[in-house]
Amino acid sequence: MAITDRDITSCLESIIDPELGISIVELGLIYNIQIDEKKISIDMTLTNPGCPFAATLAGNVEQVVREKFEGIEVEVSFVWDPPWTLDRMSEAAKKHLGYDC
């Protein structure tokens, strides 16, 4: 069975942003997922380019995907265009943080 974007995002939902306490998927930090037979490439961003948890989050993404899909190379890259905004968050994440939806 082929790996899908949904398979990957399901894994990534378990990764919680340490500052906000919300899944990186719900925050809209995952921008792109490329899947081929031997490699999964994930483009993600951060809520702030100076985030002190950048390396931790990237490492967590890589680890979770590697554990789920053994034998596949995983590459995580940070992208800054387009910049992250509150509009990328899910309605549930906005409500959790007290934003009117």
N, C-alpha and C. Protein backbone atom coordinates (compact mmCIF):
# COMPACT_ATOMS: atom_id res chain seq x y z
N MET A 1 0.84 -1.18 0.00
CA MET A 1 0.00 0.00 0.00
C MET A 1 0.88 1.25 0.00
N ALA A 2 0.54 2.21 -0.82
CA ALA A 2 1.33 3.44 -0.95
C ALA A 2 1.10 4.35 0.26
N ILE A 3 2.14 5.04 0.64
CA ILE A 3 2.06 6.03 1.72
C ILE A 3 1.42 7.29 1.16
N THR A 4 0.49 7.88 1.93
CA THR A 4 -0.19 9.09 1.49
C THR A 4 0.16 10.27 2.39
N ASP A 5 -0.16 11.47 1.93
CA ASP A 5 0.02 12.66 2.76
C ASP A 5 -0.72 12.51 4.08
N ARG A 6 -1.92 11.95 4.01
CA ARG A 6 -2.73 11.77 5.22
C ARG A 6 -2.04 10.83 6.21
N ASP A 7 -1.37 9.80 5.72
CA ASP A 7 -0.61 8.91 6.60
C ASP A 7 0.45 9.70 7.36
N ILE A 8 1.11 10.59 6.64
CA ILE A 8 2.17 11.39 7.25
C ILE A 8 1.59 12.38 8.25
N THR A 9 0.55 13.12 7.85
CA THR A 9 -0.02 14.10 8.78
C THR A 9 -0.61 13.43 10.01
N SER A 10 -1.13 12.23 9.86
CA SER A 10 -1.63 11.50 11.04
C SER A 10 -0.51 11.27 12.05
N CYS A 11 0.67 10.92 11.56
CA CYS A 11 1.83 10.75 12.45
C CYS A 11 2.21 12.06 13.12
N LEU A 12 2.19 13.12 12.33
CA LEU A 12 2.67 14.42 12.81
C LEU A 12 1.71 15.08 13.80
N GLU A 13 0.46 14.65 13.82
CA GLU A 13 -0.50 15.22 14.76
C GLU A 13 -0.09 14.99 16.21
N SER A 14 0.75 14.00 16.44
CA SER A 14 1.19 13.71 17.81
C SER A 14 2.28 14.67 18.30
N ILE A 15 2.82 15.48 17.40
CA ILE A 15 3.90 16.40 17.79
C ILE A 15 3.28 17.72 18.22
N ILE A 16 3.54 18.08 19.46
CA ILE A 16 2.95 19.27 20.07
C ILE A 16 3.98 20.39 20.13
N ASP A 17 3.58 21.57 19.69
CA ASP A 17 4.44 22.74 19.80
C ASP A 17 4.65 23.03 21.29
N PRO A 18 5.90 23.05 21.76
CA PRO A 18 6.16 23.19 23.19
C PRO A 18 5.76 24.54 23.77
N GLU A 19 5.67 25.56 22.95
CA GLU A 19 5.28 26.88 23.46
C GLU A 19 3.77 27.06 23.51
N LEU A 20 3.07 26.50 22.53
CA LEU A 20 1.63 26.74 22.42
C LEU A 20 0.78 25.56 22.88
N GLY A 21 1.38 24.37 22.99
CA GLY A 21 0.64 23.21 23.46
C GLY A 21 -0.37 22.68 22.46
N ILE A 22 -0.13 22.91 21.18
CA ILE A 22 -1.04 22.49 20.12
C ILE A 22 -0.24 21.73 19.07
N SER A 23 -0.89 20.77 18.43
CA SER A 23 -0.25 19.98 17.37
C SER A 23 0.30 20.88 16.27
N ILE A 24 1.46 20.51 15.75
CA ILE A 24 2.04 21.28 14.64
C ILE A 24 1.16 21.21 13.40
N VAL A 25 0.37 20.15 13.27
CA VAL A 25 -0.56 20.05 12.14
C VAL A 25 -1.70 21.05 12.33
N GLU A 26 -2.27 21.10 13.53
CA GLU A 26 -3.36 22.04 13.82
C GLU A 26 -2.89 23.49 13.70
N LEU A 27 -1.63 23.74 14.00
CA LEU A 27 -1.07 25.09 13.86
C LEU A 27 -0.83 25.47 12.40
N GLY A 28 -0.85 24.50 11.51
CA GLY A 28 -0.61 24.78 10.10
C GLY A 28 0.86 24.93 9.76
N LEU A 29 1.72 24.27 10.52
CA LEU A 29 3.16 24.40 10.29
C LEU A 29 3.68 23.49 9.18
N ILE A 30 2.88 22.52 8.75
CA ILE A 30 3.31 21.62 7.67
C ILE A 30 2.84 22.21 6.35
N TYR A 31 3.79 22.58 5.51
CA TYR A 31 3.48 23.24 4.24
C TYR A 31 3.39 22.27 3.08
N ASN A 32 4.26 21.29 3.03
CA ASN A 32 4.29 20.40 1.87
C ASN A 32 4.89 19.05 2.27
N ILE A 33 4.36 18.00 1.65
CA ILE A 33 4.88 16.65 1.85
C ILE A 33 5.08 16.03 0.47
N GLN A 34 6.29 15.57 0.20
CA GLN A 34 6.62 14.87 -1.04
C GLN A 34 6.98 13.43 -0.68
N ILE A 35 6.38 12.49 -1.36
CA ILE A 35 6.60 11.08 -1.06
C ILE A 35 7.04 10.36 -2.32
N ASP A 36 8.15 9.64 -2.23
CA ASP A 36 8.49 8.71 -3.30
C ASP A 36 8.85 7.38 -2.66
N GLU A 37 9.30 6.44 -3.42
CA GLU A 37 9.51 5.08 -2.91
C GLU A 37 10.53 5.00 -1.79
N LYS A 38 11.54 5.87 -1.81
CA LYS A 38 12.62 5.76 -0.84
C LYS A 38 12.79 6.97 0.05
N LYS A 39 11.99 8.02 -0.16
CA LYS A 39 12.22 9.25 0.58
C LYS A 39 10.91 10.01 0.81
N ILE A 40 10.80 10.56 2.02
CA ILE A 40 9.70 11.46 2.35
C ILE A 40 10.33 12.80 2.69
N SER A 41 9.93 13.83 1.96
CA SER A 41 10.43 15.19 2.21
C SER A 41 9.29 16.03 2.77
N ILE A 42 9.57 16.71 3.87
CA ILE A 42 8.55 17.51 4.53
C ILE A 42 9.06 18.94 4.64
N ASP A 43 8.27 19.87 4.09
CA ASP A 43 8.54 21.29 4.25
C ASP A 43 7.65 21.80 5.36
N MET A 44 8.26 22.44 6.33
CA MET A 44 7.49 22.99 7.44
C MET A 44 7.99 24.38 7.75
N THR A 45 7.24 25.08 8.56
CA THR A 45 7.64 26.41 9.00
C THR A 45 7.49 26.48 10.50
N LEU A 46 7.72 27.63 11.04
CA LEU A 46 7.56 27.88 12.47
C LEU A 46 6.71 29.12 12.65
N THR A 47 6.13 29.28 13.82
CA THR A 47 5.33 30.48 14.06
C THR A 47 6.20 31.73 14.11
N ASN A 48 7.49 31.52 14.37
CA ASN A 48 8.45 32.62 14.46
C ASN A 48 9.79 32.09 13.97
N PRO A 49 10.43 32.78 13.01
CA PRO A 49 11.72 32.29 12.51
C PRO A 49 12.79 32.13 13.59
N GLY A 50 12.65 32.84 14.69
CA GLY A 50 13.63 32.73 15.77
C GLY A 50 13.25 31.72 16.84
N CYS A 51 12.32 30.85 16.54
CA CYS A 51 11.84 29.87 17.52
C CYS A 51 13.00 29.05 18.09
N PRO A 52 13.12 29.01 19.41
CA PRO A 52 14.21 28.25 20.02
C PRO A 52 14.03 26.73 19.93
N PHE A 53 12.86 26.29 19.49
CA PHE A 53 12.58 24.86 19.41
C PHE A 53 12.67 24.31 17.99
N ALA A 54 13.25 25.08 17.07
CA ALA A 54 13.31 24.66 15.66
C ALA A 54 13.96 23.29 15.50
N ALA A 55 15.13 23.11 16.05
CA ALA A 55 15.85 21.84 15.90
C ALA A 55 15.08 20.70 16.57
N THR A 56 14.48 20.97 17.71
CA THR A 56 13.71 19.95 18.41
C THR A 56 12.50 19.51 17.58
N LEU A 57 11.77 20.47 17.05
CA LEU A 57 10.59 20.13 16.24
C LEU A 57 10.98 19.37 14.98
N ALA A 58 12.02 19.82 14.29
CA ALA A 58 12.47 19.11 13.08
C ALA A 58 12.90 17.69 13.43
N GLY A 59 13.61 17.53 14.52
CA GLY A 59 14.04 16.20 14.96
C GLY A 59 12.85 15.31 15.31
N ASN A 60 11.84 15.89 15.96
CA ASN A 60 10.65 15.13 16.30
C ASN A 60 9.90 14.68 15.05
N VAL A 61 9.79 15.57 14.07
CA VAL A 61 9.12 15.22 12.81
C VAL A 61 9.85 14.06 12.15
N GLU A 62 11.15 14.18 12.04
CA GLU A 62 11.95 13.13 11.41
C GLU A 62 11.80 11.80 12.16
N GLN A 63 11.89 11.84 13.47
CA GLN A 63 11.82 10.62 14.28
C GLN A 63 10.46 9.93 14.16
N VAL A 64 9.39 10.69 14.27
CA VAL A 64 8.05 10.10 14.22
C VAL A 64 7.79 9.44 12.87
N VAL A 65 8.19 10.10 11.79
CA VAL A 65 7.96 9.53 10.46
C VAL A 65 8.84 8.31 10.23
N ARG A 66 10.09 8.38 10.65
CA ARG A 66 10.99 7.22 10.49
C ARG A 66 10.50 6.00 11.26
N GLU A 67 9.99 6.23 12.47
CA GLU A 67 9.49 5.11 13.27
C GLU A 67 8.28 4.46 12.62
N LYS A 68 7.43 5.26 12.02
CA LYS A 68 6.21 4.73 11.38
C LYS A 68 6.52 4.03 10.06
N PHE A 69 7.46 4.59 9.30
CA PHE A 69 7.76 4.07 7.97
C PHE A 69 9.24 3.68 7.91
N GLU A 70 9.57 2.58 8.52
CA GLU A 70 10.96 2.12 8.61
C GLU A 70 11.55 1.90 7.22
N GLY A 71 12.82 2.24 7.10
CA GLY A 71 13.54 2.02 5.86
C GLY A 71 13.41 3.12 4.84
N ILE A 72 12.64 4.16 5.17
CA ILE A 72 12.48 5.27 4.24
C ILE A 72 13.26 6.47 4.77
N GLU A 73 13.99 7.13 3.88
CA GLU A 73 14.73 8.34 4.25
C GLU A 73 13.73 9.47 4.50
N VAL A 74 14.00 10.27 5.53
CA VAL A 74 13.13 11.40 5.85
C VAL A 74 13.97 12.67 5.85
N GLU A 75 13.49 13.67 5.15
CA GLU A 75 14.17 14.96 5.09
C GLU A 75 13.18 16.04 5.51
N VAL A 76 13.59 16.87 6.48
CA VAL A 76 12.75 17.96 6.96
C VAL A 76 13.46 19.27 6.63
N SER A 77 12.72 20.17 5.99
CA SER A 77 13.27 21.48 5.63
C SER A 77 12.35 22.57 6.16
N PHE A 78 12.95 23.68 6.58
CA PHE A 78 12.16 24.85 6.97
C PHE A 78 11.99 25.77 5.78
N VAL A 79 10.78 26.27 5.61
CA VAL A 79 10.48 27.24 4.56
C VAL A 79 9.84 28.46 5.21
N TRP A 80 10.08 29.60 4.63
CA TRP A 80 9.60 30.85 5.22
C TRP A 80 8.67 31.62 4.29
N ASP A 81 8.41 31.05 3.12
CA ASP A 81 7.55 31.71 2.16
C ASP A 81 6.49 30.72 1.70
N PRO A 82 5.23 30.98 1.94
CA PRO A 82 4.73 32.20 2.56
C PRO A 82 4.95 32.19 4.07
N PRO A 83 5.03 33.37 4.66
CA PRO A 83 5.20 33.43 6.11
C PRO A 83 3.97 32.82 6.82
N TRP A 84 4.22 32.22 7.96
CA TRP A 84 3.12 31.66 8.75
C TRP A 84 2.27 32.80 9.31
N THR A 85 0.95 32.62 9.28
CA THR A 85 0.02 33.55 9.90
C THR A 85 -1.04 32.75 10.65
N LEU A 86 -1.83 33.43 11.46
CA LEU A 86 -2.90 32.78 12.20
C LEU A 86 -3.90 32.10 11.27
N ASP A 87 -4.01 32.57 10.05
CA ASP A 87 -4.95 31.98 9.09
C ASP A 87 -4.63 30.52 8.77
N ARG A 88 -3.42 30.09 9.01
CA ARG A 88 -3.03 28.70 8.73
C ARG A 88 -3.52 27.73 9.81
N MET A 89 -3.89 28.26 10.96
CA MET A 89 -4.33 27.41 12.07
C MET A 89 -5.73 26.86 11.82
N SER A 90 -5.99 25.68 12.37
CA SER A 90 -7.34 25.12 12.32
C SER A 90 -8.25 25.93 13.24
N GLU A 91 -9.54 25.79 13.02
CA GLU A 91 -10.51 26.48 13.89
C GLU A 91 -10.34 26.02 15.35
N ALA A 92 -10.10 24.74 15.55
CA ALA A 92 -9.92 24.21 16.91
C ALA A 92 -8.71 24.84 17.58
N ALA A 93 -7.61 25.01 16.84
CA ALA A 93 -6.41 25.62 17.41
C ALA A 93 -6.67 27.07 17.77
N LYS A 94 -7.38 27.79 16.91
CA LYS A 94 -7.71 29.19 17.19
C LYS A 94 -8.54 29.30 18.46
N LYS A 95 -9.54 28.44 18.58
CA LYS A 95 -10.39 28.46 19.77
C LYS A 95 -9.59 28.13 21.02
N HIS A 96 -8.69 27.15 20.91
CA HIS A 96 -7.84 26.76 22.04
C HIS A 96 -7.02 27.95 22.54
N LEU A 97 -6.58 28.78 21.62
CA LEU A 97 -5.76 29.94 21.98
C LEU A 97 -6.60 31.18 22.29
N GLY A 98 -7.92 31.05 22.22
CA GLY A 98 -8.80 32.15 22.60
C GLY A 98 -9.14 33.13 21.49
N TYR A 99 -8.90 32.76 20.24
CA TYR A 99 -9.25 33.63 19.12
C TYR A 99 -10.69 33.39 18.72
N ASP A 100 -11.40 34.47 18.39
CA ASP A 100 -12.76 34.35 17.86
C ASP A 100 -12.68 33.81 16.45
N CYS A 101 -13.54 32.87 16.15
CA CYS A 101 -13.52 32.27 14.81
C CYS A 101 -14.68 32.75 13.97
